[in-house]
Structure formats: structure tokens, C-alpha cells
């Protein structure tokens, strides 16, 4: 049941818990009998496989799926098959972790060139002249 994210990161069994619940939506008679929806819970805050910066990025990416006790809950009820929903939930967790591994690029502050500043000012002046010519025509014109 271990989950392999990449060569360096492997999630152990104790970090993942799955709970199967009844899904809403299509399913015919099956929908009232079989628990096909899966709720995958990953203890991200306690995970030794992830570093602190990765956990912080993961918290930001997870959004509402991140709980107060530091777990990520992924709920899937896309298909009528319990096994397929389970696979989809695990795939979504792996995608989320892989996204959090990417370090965002730092933005380098740049200044606008003198030419672009001058072009902007001349365009604003031309636009102002066009607007100034609008209005009522006076009696002396």
C-alpha cells in the first residue's frame, strides 16, 4: 500500500488511510448498496518523507483539503468502481505532491526602459488631447 511519488519520496502505509463511503449521483441500484466513493487521508504535516518547504507549498496548494491537524483529504466519487476511485485519489495525491516539489522562480525586479516610459507619456498626451477636443462647441468657434 506504499505510494511511490518519485525516486526520492515514498509514502509509508501509516501516512495513508482510506475510508469508503456511499457516493451520490449515478449508479442505479448499486448506489444505495455499495460504498464506491473513497476518502483518502494523507498525514502530510507528520510525514518524514517531505521537507518543511515542500510541506508549506503543499499546504498552499491543497487549500481547503488541508485540515487543521495537518492532513490532506482527497475525496473521489468520479466512477462507479471503488478500485478506480481509489486509483484516481492516489494519482491526485501524487500530482499534488509533485507540484509542491517544484520550487517557484524568484521574480527579478526590472525597471521600464527610458524609451518605453517616453512612449507611454506621449500616448497619454495624445489621448488627453483627443478627449480635450470633445465637448460642446462654443459660440465663438
C-alpha atoms as a PDB file:
ATOM      1  CA  UNK A   1       0.000   0.000   0.000  1.00  0.00           C
ATOM      2  CA  UNK A   2       3.049   2.278  -0.008  1.00  0.00           C
ATOM      3  CA  UNK A   3       2.831   5.099  -2.510  1.00  0.00           C
ATOM      4  CA  UNK A   4       5.863   5.919  -4.638  1.00  0.00           C
ATOM      5  CA  UNK A   5       5.898   9.580  -5.709  1.00  0.00           C
ATOM      6  CA  UNK A   6       9.349   9.672  -7.316  1.00  0.00           C
ATOM      7  CA  UNK A   7      12.820   8.196  -6.780  1.00  0.00           C
ATOM      8  CA  UNK A   8      13.384  10.068  -3.504  1.00  0.00           C
ATOM      9  CA  UNK A   9       9.881  10.196  -1.985  1.00  0.00           C
ATOM     10  CA  UNK A  10       7.938   7.152  -0.842  1.00  0.00           C
ATOM     11  CA  UNK A  11       4.876   7.473   1.377  1.00  0.00           C
ATOM     12  CA  UNK A  12       4.541   4.786   4.036  1.00  0.00           C
ATOM     13  CA  UNK A  13       1.385   2.842   4.933  1.00  0.00           C
ATOM     14  CA  UNK A  14       0.814   4.624   8.253  1.00  0.00           C
ATOM     15  CA  UNK A  15       0.634   8.022   6.492  1.00  0.00           C
ATOM     16  CA  UNK A  16      -2.325   6.997   4.307  1.00  0.00           C
ATOM     17  CA  UNK A  17      -5.800   5.998   5.449  1.00  0.00           C
ATOM     18  CA  UNK A  18      -8.681   5.223   3.143  1.00  0.00           C
ATOM     19  CA  UNK A  19     -12.337   5.299   4.005  1.00  0.00           C
ATOM     20  CA  UNK A  20     -15.053   4.191   1.621  1.00  0.00           C
ATOM     21  CA  UNK A  21     -18.435   5.916   1.709  1.00  0.00           C
ATOM     22  CA  UNK A  22     -21.540   5.834  -0.430  1.00  0.00           C
ATOM     23  CA  UNK A  23     -21.307   8.066  -3.454  1.00  0.00           C
ATOM     24  CA  UNK A  24     -24.009  10.396  -4.663  1.00  0.00           C
ATOM     25  CA  UNK A  25     -25.014  10.574  -8.288  1.00  0.00           C
ATOM     26  CA  UNK A  26     -25.483   7.854 -10.928  1.00  0.00           C
ATOM     27  CA  UNK A  27     -25.176   4.191 -10.096  1.00  0.00           C
ATOM     28  CA  UNK A  28     -28.649   2.739 -10.296  1.00  0.00           C
ATOM     29  CA  UNK A  29     -29.490   0.188  -7.612  1.00  0.00           C
ATOM     30  CA  UNK A  30     -25.799  -0.084  -6.838  1.00  0.00           C
ATOM     31  CA  UNK A  31     -25.635   3.450  -5.370  1.00  0.00           C
ATOM     32  CA  UNK A  32     -27.599   2.516  -2.243  1.00  0.00           C
ATOM     33  CA  UNK A  33     -25.712  -0.699  -1.522  1.00  0.00           C
ATOM     34  CA  UNK A  34     -22.026  -0.307  -2.307  1.00  0.00           C
ATOM     35  CA  UNK A  35     -19.613   2.255  -0.866  1.00  0.00           C
ATOM     36  CA  UNK A  36     -17.751   3.294  -4.012  1.00  0.00           C
ATOM     37  CA  UNK A  37     -16.568   6.807  -3.109  1.00  0.00           C
ATOM     38  CA  UNK A  38     -13.139   6.986  -1.480  1.00  0.00           C
ATOM     39  CA  UNK A  39     -11.805   9.468   1.058  1.00  0.00           C
ATOM     40  CA  UNK A  40      -8.008   9.348   1.075  1.00  0.00           C
ATOM     41  CA  UNK A  41      -6.329  10.962   4.078  1.00  0.00           C
ATOM     42  CA  UNK A  42      -2.607  11.765   3.962  1.00  0.00           C
ATOM     43  CA  UNK A  43      -0.859  12.871   7.163  1.00  0.00           C
ATOM     44  CA  UNK A  44       1.261  15.495   5.417  1.00  0.00           C
ATOM     45  CA  UNK A  45       2.398  17.513   8.446  1.00  0.00           C
ATOM     46  CA  UNK A  46       3.782  14.399  10.182  1.00  0.00           C
ATOM     47  CA  UNK A  47       5.329  12.891   7.053  1.00  0.00           C
ATOM     48  CA  UNK A  48       9.091  12.290   7.319  1.00  0.00           C
ATOM     49  CA  UNK A  49       9.343  11.951   3.528  1.00  0.00           C
ATOM     50  CA  UNK A  50       8.648  15.661   2.918  1.00  0.00           C
ATOM     51  CA  UNK A  51      10.825  18.640   3.840  1.00  0.00           C
ATOM     52  CA  UNK A  52       9.421  21.752   5.540  1.00  0.00           C
ATOM     53  CA  UNK A  53       9.468  23.982   2.399  1.00  0.00           C
ATOM     54  CA  UNK A  54       7.653  21.237   0.464  1.00  0.00           C
ATOM     55  CA  UNK A  55       5.071  20.919   3.269  1.00  0.00           C
ATOM     56  CA  UNK A  56       4.487  24.694   3.190  1.00  0.00           C
ATOM     57  CA  UNK A  57       3.978  24.698  -0.579  1.00  0.00           C
ATOM     58  CA  UNK A  58       1.754  21.627  -0.248  1.00  0.00           C
ATOM     59  CA  UNK A  59      -0.385  23.407   2.368  1.00  0.00           C
ATOM     60  CA  UNK A  60      -0.825  26.353  -0.005  1.00  0.00           C
ATOM     61  CA  UNK A  61      -1.669  24.114  -2.979  1.00  0.00           C
ATOM     62  CA  UNK A  62      -4.073  21.889  -1.023  1.00  0.00           C
ATOM     63  CA  UNK A  63      -6.227  24.817   0.095  1.00  0.00           C
ATOM     64  CA  UNK A  64      -9.469  23.619   1.703  1.00  0.00           C
ATOM     65  CA  UNK A  65      -8.362  19.998   1.514  1.00  0.00           C
ATOM     66  CA  UNK A  66      -5.743  20.705   4.236  1.00  0.00           C
ATOM     67  CA  UNK A  67      -7.204  20.046   7.703  1.00  0.00           C
ATOM     68  CA  UNK A  68      -6.374  21.762  10.998  1.00  0.00           C
ATOM     69  CA  UNK A  69      -4.349  18.774  12.181  1.00  0.00           C
ATOM     70  CA  UNK A  70      -2.144  18.829   9.061  1.00  0.00           C
ATOM     71  CA  UNK A  71      -3.727  16.151   6.907  1.00  0.00           C
ATOM     72  CA  UNK A  72      -4.811  16.318   3.280  1.00  0.00           C
ATOM     73  CA  UNK A  73      -8.179  14.783   2.449  1.00  0.00           C
ATOM     74  CA  UNK A  74      -8.896  13.849  -1.155  1.00  0.00           C
ATOM     75  CA  UNK A  75     -12.467  12.768  -1.899  1.00  0.00           C
ATOM     76  CA  UNK A  76     -13.191  10.967  -5.185  1.00  0.00           C
ATOM     77  CA  UNK A  77     -16.533   9.688  -6.469  1.00  0.00           C
ATOM     78  CA  UNK A  78     -15.906  10.012 -10.205  1.00  0.00           C
ATOM     79  CA  UNK A  79     -16.616   6.428 -11.231  1.00  0.00           C
ATOM     80  CA  UNK A  80     -18.883   3.592 -10.081  1.00  0.00           C
ATOM     81  CA  UNK A  81     -15.871   1.400  -9.346  1.00  0.00           C
ATOM     82  CA  UNK A  82     -14.337   1.526  -5.876  1.00  0.00           C
ATOM     83  CA  UNK A  83     -10.944   0.382  -7.181  1.00  0.00           C
ATOM     84  CA  UNK A  84     -10.869   3.032  -9.913  1.00  0.00           C
ATOM     85  CA  UNK A  85     -11.858   5.799  -7.460  1.00  0.00           C
ATOM     86  CA  UNK A  86      -9.062   4.619  -5.169  1.00  0.00           C
ATOM     87  CA  UNK A  87      -6.531   4.813  -8.017  1.00  0.00           C
ATOM     88  CA  UNK A  88      -7.754   8.283  -9.019  1.00  0.00           C
ATOM     89  CA  UNK A  89      -7.392   9.539  -5.430  1.00  0.00           C
ATOM     90  CA  UNK A  90      -3.828   8.216  -5.228  1.00  0.00           C
ATOM     91  CA  UNK A  91      -2.982   9.790  -8.617  1.00  0.00           C
ATOM     92  CA  UNK A  92      -4.325  13.167  -7.466  1.00  0.00           C
ATOM     93  CA  UNK A  93      -2.249  12.981  -4.287  1.00  0.00           C
ATOM     94  CA  UNK A  94       0.899  12.191  -6.277  1.00  0.00           C
ATOM     95  CA  UNK A  95       0.201  15.102  -8.670  1.00  0.00           C
ATOM     96  CA  UNK A  96      -0.283  17.462  -5.715  1.00  0.00           C
ATOM     97  CA  UNK A  97       2.982  16.365  -4.100  1.00  0.00           C
ATOM     98  CA  UNK A  98       4.881  16.642  -7.398  1.00  0.00           C
ATOM     99  CA  UNK A  99       3.571  20.199  -7.870  1.00  0.00           C
ATOM    100  CA  UNK A 100       4.733  21.111  -4.369  1.00  0.00           C
ATOM    101  CA  UNK A 101       8.244  19.811  -5.127  1.00  0.00           C
ATOM    102  CA  UNK A 102       8.736  22.485  -7.810  1.00  0.00           C
ATOM    103  CA  UNK A 103      10.438  25.496  -6.310  1.00  0.00           C
ATOM    104  CA  UNK A 104       8.852  28.716  -7.681  1.00  0.00           C
ATOM    105  CA  UNK A 105      11.174  31.059  -9.539  1.00  0.00           C
ATOM    106  CA  UNK A 106      12.083  34.277  -7.749  1.00  0.00           C
ATOM    107  CA  UNK A 107      10.902  37.360  -9.560  1.00  0.00           C
ATOM    108  CA  UNK A 108      13.674  39.737 -10.526  1.00  0.00           C
ATOM    109  CA  UNK A 109      12.527  43.339 -10.318  1.00  0.00           C
ATOM    110  CA  UNK A 110      13.163  45.266 -13.531  1.00  0.00           C
ATOM    111  CA  UNK A 111      12.803  48.907 -14.446  1.00  0.00           C
ATOM    112  CA  UNK A 112      10.999  50.102 -17.567  1.00  0.00           C
ATOM    113  CA  UNK A 113      13.338  51.483 -20.231  1.00  0.00           C
ATOM    114  CA  UNK A 114      13.528  55.203 -20.868  1.00  0.00           C
ATOM    115  CA  UNK A 115      12.097  54.685 -24.359  1.00  0.00           C
ATOM    116  CA  UNK A 116       9.058  52.796 -23.058  1.00  0.00           C
ATOM    117  CA  UNK A 117       8.440  55.499 -20.456  1.00  0.00           C
ATOM    118  CA  UNK A 118       8.547  58.224 -23.134  1.00  0.00           C
ATOM    119  CA  UNK A 119       6.233  56.252 -25.458  1.00  0.00           C
ATOM    120  CA  UNK A 120       3.759  55.807 -22.614  1.00  0.00           C
ATOM    121  CA  UNK A 121       3.770  59.538 -21.773  1.00  0.00           C
ATOM    122  CA  UNK A 122       3.343  60.635 -25.425  1.00  0.00           C
ATOM    123  CA  UNK A 123       0.463  58.170 -25.877  1.00  0.00           C
ATOM    124  CA  UNK A 124      -1.196  59.554 -22.736  1.00  0.00           C
ATOM    125  CA  UNK A 125      -0.758  63.147 -24.005  1.00  0.00           C
ATOM    126  CA  UNK A 126      -2.273  62.292 -27.385  1.00  0.00           C
ATOM    127  CA  UNK A 127      -5.214  60.577 -25.707  1.00  0.00           C
ATOM    128  CA  UNK A 128      -5.677  63.625 -23.445  1.00  0.00           C
ATOM    129  CA  UNK A 129      -5.712  65.957 -26.458  1.00  0.00           C
ATOM    130  CA  UNK A 130      -8.375  63.828 -28.153  1.00  0.00           C
ATOM    131  CA  UNK A 131     -10.524  63.957 -25.028  1.00  0.00           C
ATOM    132  CA  UNK A 132      -9.949  67.714 -24.602  1.00  0.00           C
ATOM    133  CA  UNK A 133     -11.335  68.332 -28.109  1.00  0.00           C
ATOM    134  CA  UNK A 134     -14.626  66.676 -27.110  1.00  0.00           C
ATOM    135  CA  UNK A 135     -17.410  68.725 -25.632  1.00  0.00           C
ATOM    136  CA  UNK A 136     -19.825  71.451 -26.616  1.00  0.00           C
ATOM    137  CA  UNK A 137     -18.974  73.810 -29.392  1.00  0.00           C
ATOM    138  CA  UNK A 138     -18.808  77.399 -28.139  1.00  0.00           C
ATOM    139  CA  UNK A 139     -20.416  80.409 -29.875  1.00  0.00           C
ATOM    140  CA  UNK A 140     -17.029  81.916 -30.772  1.00  0.00           C
ATOM    141  CA  UNK A 141     -15.967  78.775 -32.742  1.00  0.00           C
END
